[in-house]
Amino acid sequence: MEISGLVSAVVIGLVIGVLGRLVVPGRQHIGILWTIVVGIVAALIGSAIAARLGVADTKGPDWIEWLVQIALAAVGISALDRAVSRR
C-alpha cells in the first residue's frame, strides 16, 4: 500500500467514524484513535457490502454506500463503547 492510500484510508476512516459517532446518542467513552479504527473497518466492510448489493459504483455520490458505512460505524462505536464501559 502506498502512502497516499494509507493517508486516504485514515482520512476516510476518520470521517466515517466521526459521522458514526454523531449517530450514536449520548457520550461515548472511546478515544479518537478507536474512532478512526472503527471508521476504517466500517468503511472497508461497508464498501464490500455495497459492492455485493451492486450500489458501490453509481453516477454521482454513492449515498447508499455512505449510509451503510456510517451505520456500521455507529454499530461498531456503540459496541466498543459498551465493552469499554463495562471495564
N, C-alpha and C. Protein backbone atom coordinates (compact mmCIF):
# COMPACT_ATOMS: atom_id res chain seq x y z
N MET A 1 0.85 -1.18 0.00
CA MET A 1 0.00 0.00 0.00
C MET A 1 0.89 1.24 0.00
N GLU A 2 0.55 2.18 -0.83
CA GLU A 2 1.32 3.41 -0.92
C GLU A 2 0.93 4.36 0.21
N ILE A 3 1.75 5.37 0.41
CA ILE A 3 1.50 6.37 1.45
C ILE A 3 0.18 7.10 1.20
N SER A 4 -0.09 7.43 -0.04
CA SER A 4 -1.34 8.15 -0.35
C SER A 4 -2.55 7.28 -0.03
N GLY A 5 -2.46 5.98 -0.26
CA GLY A 5 -3.55 5.07 0.07
C GLY A 5 -3.76 4.97 1.57
N LEU A 6 -2.68 4.96 2.32
CA LEU A 6 -2.76 4.90 3.77
C LEU A 6 -3.37 6.19 4.33
N VAL A 7 -2.92 7.31 3.81
CA VAL A 7 -3.44 8.60 4.28
C VAL A 7 -4.93 8.73 3.96
N SER A 8 -5.32 8.34 2.76
CA SER A 8 -6.73 8.45 2.39
C SER A 8 -7.58 7.47 3.21
N ALA A 9 -7.07 6.29 3.55
CA ALA A 9 -7.80 5.35 4.41
C ALA A 9 -8.02 5.93 5.79
N VAL A 10 -7.00 6.61 6.33
CA VAL A 10 -7.14 7.24 7.65
C VAL A 10 -8.13 8.39 7.59
N VAL A 11 -8.07 9.21 6.56
CA VAL A 11 -8.99 10.35 6.44
C VAL A 11 -10.43 9.86 6.28
N ILE A 12 -10.65 8.89 5.41
CA ILE A 12 -11.99 8.35 5.22
C ILE A 12 -12.47 7.67 6.50
N GLY A 13 -11.59 6.94 7.16
CA GLY A 13 -11.94 6.31 8.44
C GLY A 13 -12.30 7.33 9.49
N LEU A 14 -11.59 8.43 9.52
CA LEU A 14 -11.91 9.50 10.47
C LEU A 14 -13.28 10.09 10.20
N VAL A 15 -13.56 10.36 8.94
CA VAL A 15 -14.86 10.95 8.57
C VAL A 15 -15.99 9.98 8.89
N ILE A 16 -15.85 8.73 8.48
CA ILE A 16 -16.89 7.72 8.74
C ILE A 16 -17.04 7.51 10.24
N GLY A 17 -15.95 7.43 10.96
CA GLY A 17 -16.00 7.24 12.42
C GLY A 17 -16.69 8.39 13.13
N VAL A 18 -16.36 9.61 12.75
CA VAL A 18 -16.97 10.78 13.38
C VAL A 18 -18.47 10.84 13.06
N LEU A 19 -18.83 10.57 11.82
CA LEU A 19 -20.25 10.56 11.46
C LEU A 19 -20.99 9.44 12.19
N GLY A 20 -20.36 8.29 12.32
CA GLY A 20 -20.96 7.19 13.08
C GLY A 20 -21.10 7.55 14.54
N ARG A 21 -20.14 8.28 15.07
CA ARG A 21 -20.19 8.71 16.47
C ARG A 21 -21.30 9.72 16.69
N LEU A 22 -21.56 10.56 15.70
CA LEU A 22 -22.65 11.53 15.81
C LEU A 22 -24.02 10.86 15.80
N VAL A 23 -24.12 9.71 15.16
CA VAL A 23 -25.39 8.99 15.09
C VAL A 23 -25.73 8.35 16.44
N VAL A 24 -24.71 7.89 17.16
CA VAL A 24 -24.94 7.21 18.45
C VAL A 24 -25.27 8.27 19.50
N PRO A 25 -26.42 8.12 20.18
CA PRO A 25 -26.79 9.12 21.19
C PRO A 25 -25.93 9.00 22.45
N GLY A 26 -25.80 10.10 23.14
CA GLY A 26 -25.05 10.12 24.40
C GLY A 26 -23.56 10.29 24.19
N ARG A 27 -22.85 10.23 25.31
CA ARG A 27 -21.40 10.39 25.29
C ARG A 27 -20.74 9.03 25.16
N GLN A 28 -19.75 8.93 24.28
CA GLN A 28 -19.01 7.70 24.12
C GLN A 28 -17.69 7.81 24.89
N HIS A 29 -17.27 6.70 25.47
CA HIS A 29 -16.06 6.69 26.29
C HIS A 29 -14.89 6.04 25.56
N ILE A 30 -14.77 6.33 24.28
CA ILE A 30 -13.64 5.82 23.50
C ILE A 30 -12.90 7.01 22.91
N GLY A 31 -11.64 6.81 22.62
CA GLY A 31 -10.82 7.89 22.11
C GLY A 31 -10.91 8.04 20.59
N ILE A 32 -10.22 9.04 20.10
CA ILE A 32 -10.25 9.34 18.67
C ILE A 32 -9.56 8.25 17.86
N LEU A 33 -8.54 7.61 18.41
CA LEU A 33 -7.86 6.54 17.68
C LEU A 33 -8.79 5.36 17.46
N TRP A 34 -9.57 5.01 18.47
CA TRP A 34 -10.54 3.92 18.30
C TRP A 34 -11.63 4.33 17.32
N THR A 35 -12.00 5.60 17.33
CA THR A 35 -12.99 6.09 16.37
C THR A 35 -12.47 5.93 14.95
N ILE A 36 -11.20 6.25 14.73
CA ILE A 36 -10.60 6.10 13.40
C ILE A 36 -10.53 4.63 13.00
N VAL A 37 -10.13 3.77 13.92
CA VAL A 37 -10.03 2.33 13.63
C VAL A 37 -11.40 1.77 13.27
N VAL A 38 -12.42 2.10 14.07
CA VAL A 38 -13.77 1.63 13.78
C VAL A 38 -14.24 2.20 12.43
N GLY A 39 -13.91 3.46 12.15
CA GLY A 39 -14.30 4.07 10.89
C GLY A 39 -13.65 3.40 9.69
N ILE A 40 -12.37 3.06 9.80
CA ILE A 40 -11.67 2.38 8.71
C ILE A 40 -12.28 1.00 8.46
N VAL A 41 -12.51 0.26 9.54
CA VAL A 41 -13.11 -1.08 9.39
C VAL A 41 -14.51 -0.97 8.80
N ALA A 42 -15.30 -0.01 9.30
CA ALA A 42 -16.66 0.17 8.77
C ALA A 42 -16.63 0.59 7.31
N ALA A 43 -15.67 1.42 6.92
CA ALA A 43 -15.57 1.83 5.52
C ALA A 43 -15.23 0.64 4.62
N LEU A 44 -14.32 -0.21 5.06
CA LEU A 44 -13.95 -1.38 4.27
C LEU A 44 -15.10 -2.37 4.16
N ILE A 45 -15.73 -2.69 5.28
CA ILE A 45 -16.85 -3.64 5.26
C ILE A 45 -18.04 -3.05 4.51
N GLY A 46 -18.31 -1.76 4.72
CA GLY A 46 -19.41 -1.11 4.03
C GLY A 46 -19.22 -1.08 2.52
N SER A 47 -17.99 -0.88 2.08
CA SER A 47 -17.70 -0.91 0.64
C SER A 47 -17.93 -2.30 0.07
N ALA A 48 -17.54 -3.33 0.83
CA ALA A 48 -17.75 -4.70 0.37
C ALA A 48 -19.24 -5.03 0.29
N ILE A 49 -20.01 -4.60 1.28
CA ILE A 49 -21.46 -4.84 1.26
C ILE A 49 -22.11 -4.10 0.10
N ALA A 50 -21.71 -2.85 -0.10
CA ALA A 50 -22.28 -2.08 -1.21
C ALA A 50 -21.94 -2.70 -2.55
N ALA A 51 -20.74 -3.25 -2.68
CA ALA A 51 -20.36 -3.92 -3.93
C ALA A 51 -21.20 -5.17 -4.15
N ARG A 52 -21.47 -5.91 -3.07
CA ARG A 52 -22.32 -7.11 -3.18
C ARG A 52 -23.75 -6.76 -3.57
N LEU A 53 -24.23 -5.62 -3.07
CA LEU A 53 -25.59 -5.17 -3.39
C LEU A 53 -25.67 -4.50 -4.77
N GLY A 54 -24.51 -4.19 -5.33
CA GLY A 54 -24.48 -3.56 -6.65
C GLY A 54 -24.71 -2.06 -6.62
N VAL A 55 -24.48 -1.42 -5.48
CA VAL A 55 -24.70 0.03 -5.37
C VAL A 55 -23.40 0.79 -5.12
N ALA A 56 -22.27 0.12 -5.29
CA ALA A 56 -20.99 0.76 -5.00
C ALA A 56 -20.58 1.76 -6.08
N ASP A 57 -20.89 1.46 -7.33
CA ASP A 57 -20.49 2.32 -8.43
C ASP A 57 -21.74 2.91 -9.09
N THR A 58 -22.06 4.12 -8.72
CA THR A 58 -23.21 4.81 -9.29
C THR A 58 -22.74 6.11 -9.91
N LYS A 59 -23.59 6.72 -10.69
CA LYS A 59 -23.27 8.04 -11.23
C LYS A 59 -23.52 9.05 -10.12
N GLY A 60 -22.51 9.84 -9.82
CA GLY A 60 -22.63 10.81 -8.75
C GLY A 60 -22.19 10.22 -7.41
N PRO A 61 -22.58 10.85 -6.31
CA PRO A 61 -22.18 10.36 -4.99
C PRO A 61 -22.81 9.01 -4.68
N ASP A 62 -22.08 8.20 -3.98
CA ASP A 62 -22.56 6.87 -3.59
C ASP A 62 -23.23 6.97 -2.21
N TRP A 63 -24.42 7.53 -2.18
CA TRP A 63 -25.11 7.79 -0.91
C TRP A 63 -25.43 6.52 -0.15
N ILE A 64 -25.85 5.48 -0.85
CA ILE A 64 -26.20 4.23 -0.17
C ILE A 64 -24.96 3.61 0.47
N GLU A 65 -23.84 3.65 -0.23
CA GLU A 65 -22.60 3.13 0.33
C GLU A 65 -22.21 3.91 1.58
N TRP A 66 -22.34 5.23 1.53
CA TRP A 66 -22.02 6.05 2.70
C TRP A 66 -22.93 5.72 3.87
N LEU A 67 -24.23 5.54 3.60
CA LEU A 67 -25.16 5.22 4.67
C LEU A 67 -24.84 3.88 5.32
N VAL A 68 -24.47 2.90 4.50
CA VAL A 68 -24.09 1.60 5.04
C VAL A 68 -22.84 1.72 5.89
N GLN A 69 -21.85 2.47 5.42
CA GLN A 69 -20.61 2.65 6.17
C GLN A 69 -20.86 3.37 7.49
N ILE A 70 -21.67 4.42 7.47
CA ILE A 70 -21.96 5.18 8.70
C ILE A 70 -22.74 4.32 9.68
N ALA A 71 -23.70 3.54 9.18
CA ALA A 71 -24.47 2.65 10.06
C ALA A 71 -23.55 1.61 10.71
N LEU A 72 -22.65 1.05 9.94
CA LEU A 72 -21.70 0.08 10.50
C LEU A 72 -20.78 0.74 11.53
N ALA A 73 -20.35 1.96 11.26
CA ALA A 73 -19.52 2.68 12.22
C ALA A 73 -20.29 2.95 13.51
N ALA A 74 -21.55 3.32 13.40
CA ALA A 74 -22.37 3.57 14.58
C ALA A 74 -22.52 2.31 15.42
N VAL A 75 -22.76 1.18 14.75
CA VAL A 75 -22.87 -0.09 15.47
C VAL A 75 -21.55 -0.46 16.13
N GLY A 76 -20.44 -0.28 15.41
CA GLY A 76 -19.13 -0.59 15.96
C GLY A 76 -18.76 0.30 17.13
N ILE A 77 -19.05 1.58 17.03
CA ILE A 77 -18.74 2.51 18.12
C ILE A 77 -19.60 2.21 19.34
N SER A 78 -20.86 1.91 19.11
CA SER A 78 -21.75 1.57 20.22
C SER A 78 -21.28 0.29 20.92
N ALA A 79 -20.90 -0.72 20.15
CA ALA A 79 -20.42 -1.98 20.74
C ALA A 79 -19.11 -1.77 21.49
N LEU A 80 -18.20 -1.02 20.92
CA LEU A 80 -16.92 -0.75 21.58
C LEU A 80 -17.12 0.08 22.84
N ASP A 81 -18.03 1.04 22.80
CA ASP A 81 -18.32 1.87 23.97
C ASP A 81 -18.87 1.01 25.10
N ARG A 82 -19.77 0.10 24.78
CA ARG A 82 -20.32 -0.79 25.81
C ARG A 82 -19.25 -1.69 26.39
N ALA A 83 -18.35 -2.18 25.55
CA ALA A 83 -17.28 -3.05 26.03
C ALA A 83 -16.32 -2.28 26.94
N VAL A 84 -16.03 -1.03 26.60
CA VAL A 84 -15.12 -0.23 27.41
C VAL A 84 -15.80 0.19 28.70
N SER A 85 -17.08 0.49 28.66
CA SER A 85 -17.82 0.95 29.84
C SER A 85 -17.95 -0.14 30.89
N ARG A 86 -17.96 -1.39 30.47
CA ARG A 86 -18.11 -2.50 31.42
C ARG A 86 -16.84 -2.75 32.22
N ARG A 87 -15.72 -2.25 31.76
CA ARG A 87 -14.46 -2.49 32.47
C ARG A 87 -14.32 -1.60 33.65
